[in-house]
PDB file of N, CA and C in Angstrom:
ATOM      1  N   UNK A   1      91.313-134.065-126.396  1.00  0.00           N
ATOM      2  CA  UNK A   1      90.756-133.045-126.914  1.00  0.00           C
ATOM      3  C   UNK A   1      89.749-133.725-127.593  1.00  0.00           C
ATOM      4  N   UNK A   2      88.393-134.292-127.868  1.00  0.00           N
ATOM      5  CA  UNK A   2      87.119-135.024-128.362  1.00  0.00           C
ATOM      6  C   UNK A   2      87.859-135.090-129.843  1.00  0.00           C
ATOM      7  N   UNK A   3      87.188-135.570-130.687  1.00  0.00           N
ATOM      8  CA  UNK A   3      87.141-135.665-132.648  1.00  0.00           C
ATOM      9  C   UNK A   3      85.972-134.424-132.556  1.00  0.00           C
ATOM     10  N   UNK A   4      84.856-133.837-131.791  1.00  0.00           N
ATOM     11  CA  UNK A   4      84.290-133.350-132.041  1.00  0.00           C
ATOM     12  C   UNK A   4      85.054-131.541-132.143  1.00  0.00           C
ATOM     13  N   UNK A   5      86.102-131.581-131.130  1.00  0.00           N
ATOM     14  CA  UNK A   5      86.981-130.429-130.945  1.00  0.00           C
ATOM     15  C   UNK A   5      87.549-130.406-132.199  1.00  0.00           C
ATOM     16  N   UNK A   6      88.554-131.226-132.644  1.00  0.00           N
ATOM     17  CA  UNK A   6      89.280-131.037-133.392  1.00  0.00           C
ATOM     18  C   UNK A   6      88.468-131.188-135.103  1.00  0.00           C
ATOM     19  N   UNK A   7      87.357-131.265-135.191  1.00  0.00           N
ATOM     20  CA  UNK A   7      86.274-130.809-136.487  1.00  0.00           C
ATOM     21  C   UNK A   7      86.170-129.782-136.872  1.00  0.00           C
ATOM     22  N   UNK A   8      87.026-130.228-138.702  1.00  0.00           N
ATOM     23  CA  UNK A   8      87.151-129.182-139.526  1.00  0.00           C
ATOM     24  C   UNK A   8      86.327-127.912-139.655  1.00  0.00           C
ATOM     25  N   UNK A   9      85.140-128.719-139.509  1.00  0.00           N
ATOM     26  CA  UNK A   9      83.522-127.872-139.860  1.00  0.00           C
ATOM     27  C   UNK A   9      82.905-128.286-138.211  1.00  0.00           C
ATOM     28  N   UNK A  10      82.480-127.650-137.424  1.00  0.00           N
ATOM     29  CA  UNK A  10      81.065-127.790-137.170  1.00  0.00           C
ATOM     30  C   UNK A  10      79.915-127.310-137.089  1.00  0.00           C
ATOM     31  N   UNK A  11      78.495-128.180-136.998  1.00  0.00           N
ATOM     32  CA  UNK A  11      76.833-127.628-137.660  1.00  0.00           C
ATOM     33  C   UNK A  11      76.382-127.415-136.414  1.00  0.00           C
ATOM     34  N   UNK A  12      75.896-126.446-136.107  1.00  0.00           N
ATOM     35  CA  UNK A  12      74.981-126.552-135.025  1.00  0.00           C
ATOM     36  C   UNK A  12      73.532-126.634-135.644  1.00  0.00           C
ATOM     37  N   UNK A  13      73.434-127.682-135.453  1.00  0.00           N
ATOM     38  CA  UNK A  13      71.745-127.840-136.017  1.00  0.00           C
ATOM     39  C   UNK A  13      70.652-128.022-134.872  1.00  0.00           C
ATOM     40  N   UNK A  14      71.284-127.727-133.708  1.00  0.00           N
ATOM     41  CA  UNK A  14      70.235-127.744-132.692  1.00  0.00           C
ATOM     42  C   UNK A  14      69.286-126.945-132.395  1.00  0.00           C
ATOM     43  N   UNK A  15      67.930-127.758-132.280  1.00  0.00           N
ATOM     44  CA  UNK A  15      66.419-127.247-132.824  1.00  0.00           C
ATOM     45  C   UNK A  15      66.210-127.150-134.220  1.00  0.00           C
ATOM     46  N   UNK A  16      66.788-127.846-134.982  1.00  0.00           N
ATOM     47  CA  UNK A  16      66.328-128.048-136.285  1.00  0.00           C
ATOM     48  C   UNK A  16      65.914-129.418-136.202  1.00  0.00           C
ATOM     49  N   UNK A  17      64.471-129.785-137.440  1.00  0.00           N
ATOM     50  CA  UNK A  17      63.902-130.749-137.096  1.00  0.00           C
ATOM     51  C   UNK A  17      64.006-131.666-138.575  1.00  0.00           C
ATOM     52  N   UNK A  18      64.150-132.941-138.657  1.00  0.00           N
ATOM     53  CA  UNK A  18      64.289-133.687-139.912  1.00  0.00           C
ATOM     54  C   UNK A  18      63.462-133.102-141.239  1.00  0.00           C
ATOM     55  N   UNK A  19      64.319-132.931-141.957  1.00  0.00           N
ATOM     56  CA  UNK A  19      65.606-133.576-142.401  1.00  0.00           C
ATOM     57  C   UNK A  19      66.365-132.210-142.572  1.00  0.00           C
ATOM     58  N   UNK A  20      66.330-131.534-141.785  1.00  0.00           N
ATOM     59  CA  UNK A  20      67.211-130.204-141.869  1.00  0.00           C
ATOM     60  C   UNK A  20      68.543-130.558-141.459  1.00  0.00           C
ATOM     61  N   UNK A  21      68.878-131.166-140.601  1.00  0.00           N
ATOM     62  CA  UNK A  21      70.456-131.649-140.508  1.00  0.00           C
ATOM     63  C   UNK A  21      70.952-131.885-141.128  1.00  0.00           C
ATOM     64  N   UNK A  22      70.680-132.900-141.859  1.00  0.00           N
ATOM     65  CA  UNK A  22      71.184-133.585-143.160  1.00  0.00           C
ATOM     66  C   UNK A  22      70.777-133.117-144.285  1.00  0.00           C
ATOM     67  N   UNK A  23      70.135-132.425-144.248  1.00  0.00           N
ATOM     68  CA  UNK A  23      70.085-131.621-145.525  1.00  0.00           C
ATOM     69  C   UNK A  23      71.742-130.465-145.679  1.00  0.00           C
ATOM     70  N   UNK A  24      71.469-129.762-144.487  1.00  0.00           N
ATOM     71  CA  UNK A  24      72.690-128.857-143.789  1.00  0.00           C
ATOM     72  C   UNK A  24      73.841-129.609-144.214  1.00  0.00           C
ATOM     73  N   UNK A  25      74.436-130.942-143.674  1.00  0.00           N
ATOM     74  CA  UNK A  25      75.240-131.531-143.898  1.00  0.00           C
ATOM     75  C   UNK A  25      75.463-131.550-145.118  1.00  0.00           C
ATOM     76  N   UNK A  26      74.713-131.733-146.001  1.00  0.00           N
ATOM     77  CA  UNK A  26      75.205-132.083-147.604  1.00  0.00           C
ATOM     78  C   UNK A  26      75.395-130.893-148.366  1.00  0.00           C
ATOM     79  N   UNK A  27      74.412-129.912-147.585  1.00  0.00           N
ATOM     80  CA  UNK A  27      75.118-128.323-148.944  1.00  0.00           C
ATOM     81  C   UNK A  27      76.261-128.023-148.180  1.00  0.00           C
ATOM     82  N   UNK A  28      76.748-128.381-146.871  1.00  0.00           N
ATOM     83  CA  UNK A  28      78.354-127.515-146.169  1.00  0.00           C
ATOM     84  C   UNK A  28      78.973-128.756-146.539  1.00  0.00           C
ATOM     85  N   UNK A  29      79.298-129.824-146.523  1.00  0.00           N
ATOM     86  CA  UNK A  29      80.143-131.292-146.525  1.00  0.00           C
ATOM     87  C   UNK A  29      81.663-131.043-147.182  1.00  0.00           C
ATOM     88  N   UNK A  30      81.331-129.939-148.291  1.00  0.00           N
ATOM     89  CA  UNK A  30      81.957-129.869-149.512  1.00  0.00           C
ATOM     90  C   UNK A  30      83.265-128.645-148.698  1.00  0.00           C
ATOM     91  N   UNK A  31      83.082-127.886-147.903  1.00  0.00           N
ATOM     92  CA  UNK A  31      83.906-127.289-147.266  1.00  0.00           C
ATOM     93  C   UNK A  31      85.231-127.855-146.150  1.00  0.00           C
ATOM     94  N   UNK A  32      84.993-128.820-146.114  1.00  0.00           N
ATOM     95  CA  UNK A  32      85.833-129.497-145.690  1.00  0.00           C
ATOM     96  C   UNK A  32      86.812-130.438-146.441  1.00  0.00           C
ATOM     97  N   UNK A  33      88.514-130.167-146.770  1.00  0.00           N
ATOM     98  CA  UNK A  33      88.977-130.774-147.330  1.00  0.00           C
ATOM     99  C   UNK A  33      88.749-132.531-147.275  1.00  0.00           C
ATOM    100  N   UNK A  34      89.073-133.231-148.247  1.00  0.00           N
ATOM    101  CA  UNK A  34      88.953-134.707-148.044  1.00  0.00           C
ATOM    102  C   UNK A  34      89.740-135.420-146.709  1.00  0.00           C
ATOM    103  N   UNK A  35      89.340-136.135-146.187  1.00  0.00           N
ATOM    104  CA  UNK A  35      90.112-136.553-144.830  1.00  0.00           C
ATOM    105  C   UNK A  35      89.729-135.737-143.689  1.00  0.00           C
ATOM    106  N   UNK A  36      88.728-134.617-143.983  1.00  0.00           N
ATOM    107  CA  UNK A  36      88.281-133.946-142.543  1.00  0.00           C
ATOM    108  C   UNK A  36      87.119-134.375-142.158  1.00  0.00           C
ATOM    109  N   UNK A  37      87.131-133.850-140.507  1.00  0.00           N
ATOM    110  CA  UNK A  37      86.104-134.009-140.432  1.00  0.00           C
ATOM    111  C   UNK A  37      85.104-133.215-139.811  1.00  0.00           C
ATOM    112  N   UNK A  38      84.101-133.449-140.255  1.00  0.00           N
ATOM    113  CA  UNK A  38      82.430-132.521-139.617  1.00  0.00           C
ATOM    114  C   UNK A  38      81.719-133.133-138.635  1.00  0.00           C
ATOM    115  N   UNK A  39      81.139-132.480-137.463  1.00  0.00           N
ATOM    116  CA  UNK A  39      80.481-132.870-136.231  1.00  0.00           C
ATOM    117  C   UNK A  39      79.394-131.423-136.479  1.00  0.00           C
ATOM    118  N   UNK A  40      78.148-132.667-136.223  1.00  0.00           N
ATOM    119  CA  UNK A  40      76.743-132.280-136.422  1.00  0.00           C
ATOM    120  C   UNK A  40      76.208-132.546-135.548  1.00  0.00           C
ATOM    121  N   UNK A  41      76.047-131.056-134.469  1.00  0.00           N
ATOM    122  CA  UNK A  41      75.517-131.368-133.131  1.00  0.00           C
ATOM    123  C   UNK A  41      73.587-131.231-133.424  1.00  0.00           C
ATOM    124  N   UNK A  42      73.175-132.246-132.870  1.00  0.00           N
ATOM    125  CA  UNK A  42      71.497-132.155-133.526  1.00  0.00           C
ATOM    126  C   UNK A  42      70.803-132.818-132.295  1.00  0.00           C
ATOM    127  N   UNK A  43      69.605-132.196-131.943  1.00  0.00           N
ATOM    128  CA  UNK A  43      68.917-132.261-130.947  1.00  0.00           C
ATOM    129  C   UNK A  43      67.580-133.159-131.787  1.00  0.00           C
ATOM    130  N   UNK A  44      67.369-133.568-132.993  1.00  0.00           N
ATOM    131  CA  UNK A  44      66.623-134.335-133.868  1.00  0.00           C
ATOM    132  C   UNK A  44      66.916-135.729-133.699  1.00  0.00           C
ATOM    133  N   UNK A  45      65.997-136.451-132.720  1.00  0.00           N
ATOM    134  CA  UNK A  45      66.184-137.643-132.579  1.00  0.00           C
ATOM    135  C   UNK A  45      66.513-138.215-133.964  1.00  0.00           C
ATOM    136  N   UNK A  46      66.031-138.618-135.214  1.00  0.00           N
ATOM    137  CA  UNK A  46      66.160-138.682-136.036  1.00  0.00           C
ATOM    138  C   UNK A  46      67.880-138.806-137.005  1.00  0.00           C
ATOM    139  N   UNK A  47      68.319-137.696-136.377  1.00  0.00           N
ATOM    140  CA  UNK A  47      69.659-137.488-137.228  1.00  0.00           C
ATOM    141  C   UNK A  47      70.422-138.983-136.462  1.00  0.00           C
ATOM    142  N   UNK A  48      70.144-139.251-135.709  1.00  0.00           N
ATOM    143  CA  UNK A  48      70.970-140.916-135.075  1.00  0.00           C
ATOM    144  C   UNK A  48      70.611-141.643-136.226  1.00  0.00           C
ATOM    145  N   UNK A  49      69.705-141.577-137.208  1.00  0.00           N
ATOM    146  CA  UNK A  49      69.227-142.767-138.108  1.00  0.00           C
ATOM    147  C   UNK A  49      70.052-141.925-139.430  1.00  0.00           C
ATOM    148  N   UNK A  50      69.600-140.849-139.596  1.00  0.00           N
ATOM    149  CA  UNK A  50      69.833-140.195-141.014  1.00  0.00           C
ATOM    150  C   UNK A  50      71.293-139.759-141.168  1.00  0.00           C
ATOM    151  N   UNK A  51      72.065-139.478-140.362  1.00  0.00           N
ATOM    152  CA  UNK A  51      73.392-139.087-140.833  1.00  0.00           C
ATOM    153  C   UNK A  51      74.208-140.457-141.019  1.00  0.00           C
ATOM    154  N   UNK A  52      74.026-141.309-140.246  1.00  0.00           N
ATOM    155  CA  UNK A  52      75.004-142.763-140.904  1.00  0.00           C
ATOM    156  C   UNK A  52      74.324-142.906-142.601  1.00  0.00           C
ATOM    157  N   UNK A  53      73.018-142.914-142.627  1.00  0.00           N
ATOM    158  CA  UNK A  53      72.123-143.390-143.926  1.00  0.00           C
ATOM    159  C   UNK A  53      72.690-142.576-145.207  1.00  0.00           C
ATOM    160  N   UNK A  54      73.065-141.143-144.268  1.00  0.00           N
ATOM    161  CA  UNK A  54      73.195-140.300-145.530  1.00  0.00           C
ATOM    162  C   UNK A  54      74.712-140.797-145.985  1.00  0.00           C
ATOM    163  N   UNK A  55      75.738-140.853-145.040  1.00  0.00           N
ATOM    164  CA  UNK A  55      77.173-141.326-145.273  1.00  0.00           C
ATOM    165  C   UNK A  55      77.472-142.521-146.064  1.00  0.00           C
ATOM    166  N   UNK A  56      76.087-143.609-146.207  1.00  0.00           N
ATOM    167  CA  UNK A  56      76.421-144.736-146.808  1.00  0.00           C
ATOM    168  C   UNK A  56      75.834-144.074-148.051  1.00  0.00           C
ATOM    169  N   UNK A  57      74.599-143.676-148.245  1.00  0.00           N
ATOM    170  CA  UNK A  57      74.591-143.302-149.893  1.00  0.00           C
ATOM    171  C   UNK A  57      75.361-142.290-150.328  1.00  0.00           C
ATOM    172  N   UNK A  58      76.011-141.388-149.897  1.00  0.00           N
ATOM    173  CA  UNK A  58      77.123-140.403-150.234  1.00  0.00           C
ATOM    174  C   UNK A  58      78.184-140.902-150.441  1.00  0.00           C
ATOM    175  N   UNK A  59      78.849-141.955-149.781  1.00  0.00           N
ATOM    176  CA  UNK A  59      79.857-142.578-149.800  1.00  0.00           C
ATOM    177  C   UNK A  59      81.114-141.411-148.793  1.00  0.00           C
ATOM    178  N   UNK A  60      80.257-141.524-147.451  1.00  0.00           N
ATOM    179  CA  UNK A  60      81.361-140.594-146.670  1.00  0.00           C
ATOM    180  C   UNK A  60      81.553-141.422-145.738  1.00  0.00           C
ATOM    181  N   UNK A  61      82.642-141.260-144.771  1.00  0.00           N
ATOM    182  CA  UNK A  61      82.534-141.978-143.621  1.00  0.00           C
ATOM    183  C   UNK A  61      81.796-141.359-141.873  1.00  0.00           C
ATOM    184  N   UNK A  62      81.364-142.343-141.525  1.00  0.00           N
ATOM    185  CA  UNK A  62      80.326-142.327-140.162  1.00  0.00           C
ATOM    186  C   UNK A  62      81.508-142.296-139.192  1.00  0.00           C
ATOM    187  N   UNK A  63      82.200-141.553-138.515  1.00  0.00           N
ATOM    188  CA  UNK A  63      83.111-142.084-137.421  1.00  0.00           C
ATOM    189  C   UNK A  63      82.294-141.964-136.161  1.00  0.00           C
ATOM    190  N   UNK A  64      80.833-141.749-135.816  1.00  0.00           N
ATOM    191  CA  UNK A  64      80.412-141.818-134.755  1.00  0.00           C
ATOM    192  C   UNK A  64      79.831-141.015-133.607  1.00  0.00           C
ATOM    193  N   UNK A  65      79.516-141.086-132.929  1.00  0.00           N
ATOM    194  CA  UNK A  65      79.022-140.096-132.073  1.00  0.00           C
ATOM    195  C   UNK A  65      79.722-139.614-130.542  1.00  0.00           C
ATOM    196  N   UNK A  66      79.376-138.728-130.429  1.00  0.00           N
ATOM    197  CA  UNK A  66      80.182-138.220-129.049  1.00  0.00           C
ATOM    198  C   UNK A  66      78.917-137.462-128.501  1.00  0.00           C
ATOM    199  N   UNK A  67      79.062-136.701-127.260  1.00  0.00           N
ATOM    200  CA  UNK A  67      77.936-135.839-126.688  1.00  0.00           C
ATOM    201  C   UNK A  67      78.838-134.493-126.319  1.00  0.00           C
ATOM    202  N   UNK A  68      78.206-133.621-126.686  1.00  0.00           N
ATOM    203  CA  UNK A  68      78.273-131.912-126.583  1.00  0.00           C
ATOM    204  C   UNK A  68      78.466-131.606-124.495  1.00  0.00           C
ATOM    205  N   UNK A  69      79.346-130.634-124.035  1.00  0.00           N
ATOM    206  CA  UNK A  69      79.228-130.782-123.037  1.00  0.00           C
ATOM    207  C   UNK A  69      77.619-130.298-122.886  1.00  0.00           C
ATOM    208  N   UNK A  70      76.766-129.970-123.326  1.00  0.00           N
ATOM    209  CA  UNK A  70      75.509-129.211-122.904  1.00  0.00           C
ATOM    210  C   UNK A  70      74.297-130.948-123.213  1.00  0.00           C
ATOM    211  N   UNK A  71      75.046-131.875-123.747  1.00  0.00           N
ATOM    212  CA  UNK A  71      74.590-133.120-123.390  1.00  0.00           C
ATOM    213  C   UNK A  71      73.570-133.505-124.622  1.00  0.00           C
ATOM    214  N   UNK A  72      74.217-132.579-125.966  1.00  0.00           N
ATOM    215  CA  UNK A  72      73.468-132.923-127.030  1.00  0.00           C
ATOM    216  C   UNK A  72      74.496-133.743-127.732  1.00  0.00           C
ATOM    217  N   UNK A  73      73.697-134.888-128.392  1.00  0.00           N
ATOM    218  CA  UNK A  73      74.255-135.541-129.400  1.00  0.00           C
ATOM    219  C   UNK A  73      75.274-135.026-130.545  1.00  0.00           C
ATOM    220  N   UNK A  74      76.151-135.539-130.534  1.00  0.00           N
ATOM    221  CA  UNK A  74      77.027-134.829-131.611  1.00  0.00           C
ATOM    222  C   UNK A  74      77.943-135.606-132.532  1.00  0.00           C
ATOM    223  N   UNK A  75      77.481-135.786-133.919  1.00  0.00           N
ATOM    224  CA  UNK A  75      77.657-136.665-135.041  1.00  0.00           C
ATOM    225  C   UNK A  75      79.092-136.739-135.812  1.00  0.00           C
ATOM    226  N   UNK A  76      79.937-137.600-136.039  1.00  0.00           N
ATOM    227  CA  UNK A  76      81.194-136.979-136.576  1.00  0.00           C
ATOM    228  C   UNK A  76      81.490-137.917-138.272  1.00  0.00           C
ATOM    229  N   UNK A  77      81.356-137.250-139.213  1.00  0.00           N
ATOM    230  CA  UNK A  77      80.939-137.485-140.312  1.00  0.00           C
ATOM    231  C   UNK A  77      82.668-136.772-140.920  1.00  0.00           C
ATOM    232  N   UNK A  78      83.456-138.152-141.499  1.00  0.00           N
ATOM    233  CA  UNK A  78      84.689-138.116-142.153  1.00  0.00           C
ATOM    234  C   UNK A  78      84.280-138.162-143.673  1.00  0.00           C
ATOM    235  N   UNK A  79      84.724-136.584-144.324  1.00  0.00           N
ATOM    236  CA  UNK A  79      84.717-136.628-145.708  1.00  0.00           C
ATOM    237  C   UNK A  79      86.120-137.616-146.531  1.00  0.00           C
ATOM    238  N   UNK A  80      85.166-138.051-147.181  1.00  0.00           N
ATOM    239  CA  UNK A  80      86.172-139.188-147.944  1.00  0.00           C
ATOM    240  C   UNK A  80      86.420-139.219-149.613  1.00  0.00           C
ATOM    241  N   UNK A  81      85.298-138.064-150.258  1.00  0.00           N
ATOM    242  CA  UNK A  81      85.615-137.780-151.549  1.00  0.00           C
ATOM    243  C   UNK A  81      84.828-136.819-151.527  1.00  0.00           C
TER     244      UNK A  81
END
């Protein structure tokens, strides 16, 4: 099982352009308990930079990146607080 498959929350942001994937992450991350993982699938090339930056600014842990079965990047965030 991949980390994305075990995520407490999966956000499908395919087709959304910057800054919408980060806005969705910021809006919904509190739905996950502290220590839980959020998987953000995004076709937006800026998400590769934006999501780790959002984590640094918001005190959350950027876990890394995986690839969905359809080839879309999936960015993993662990809720820290």
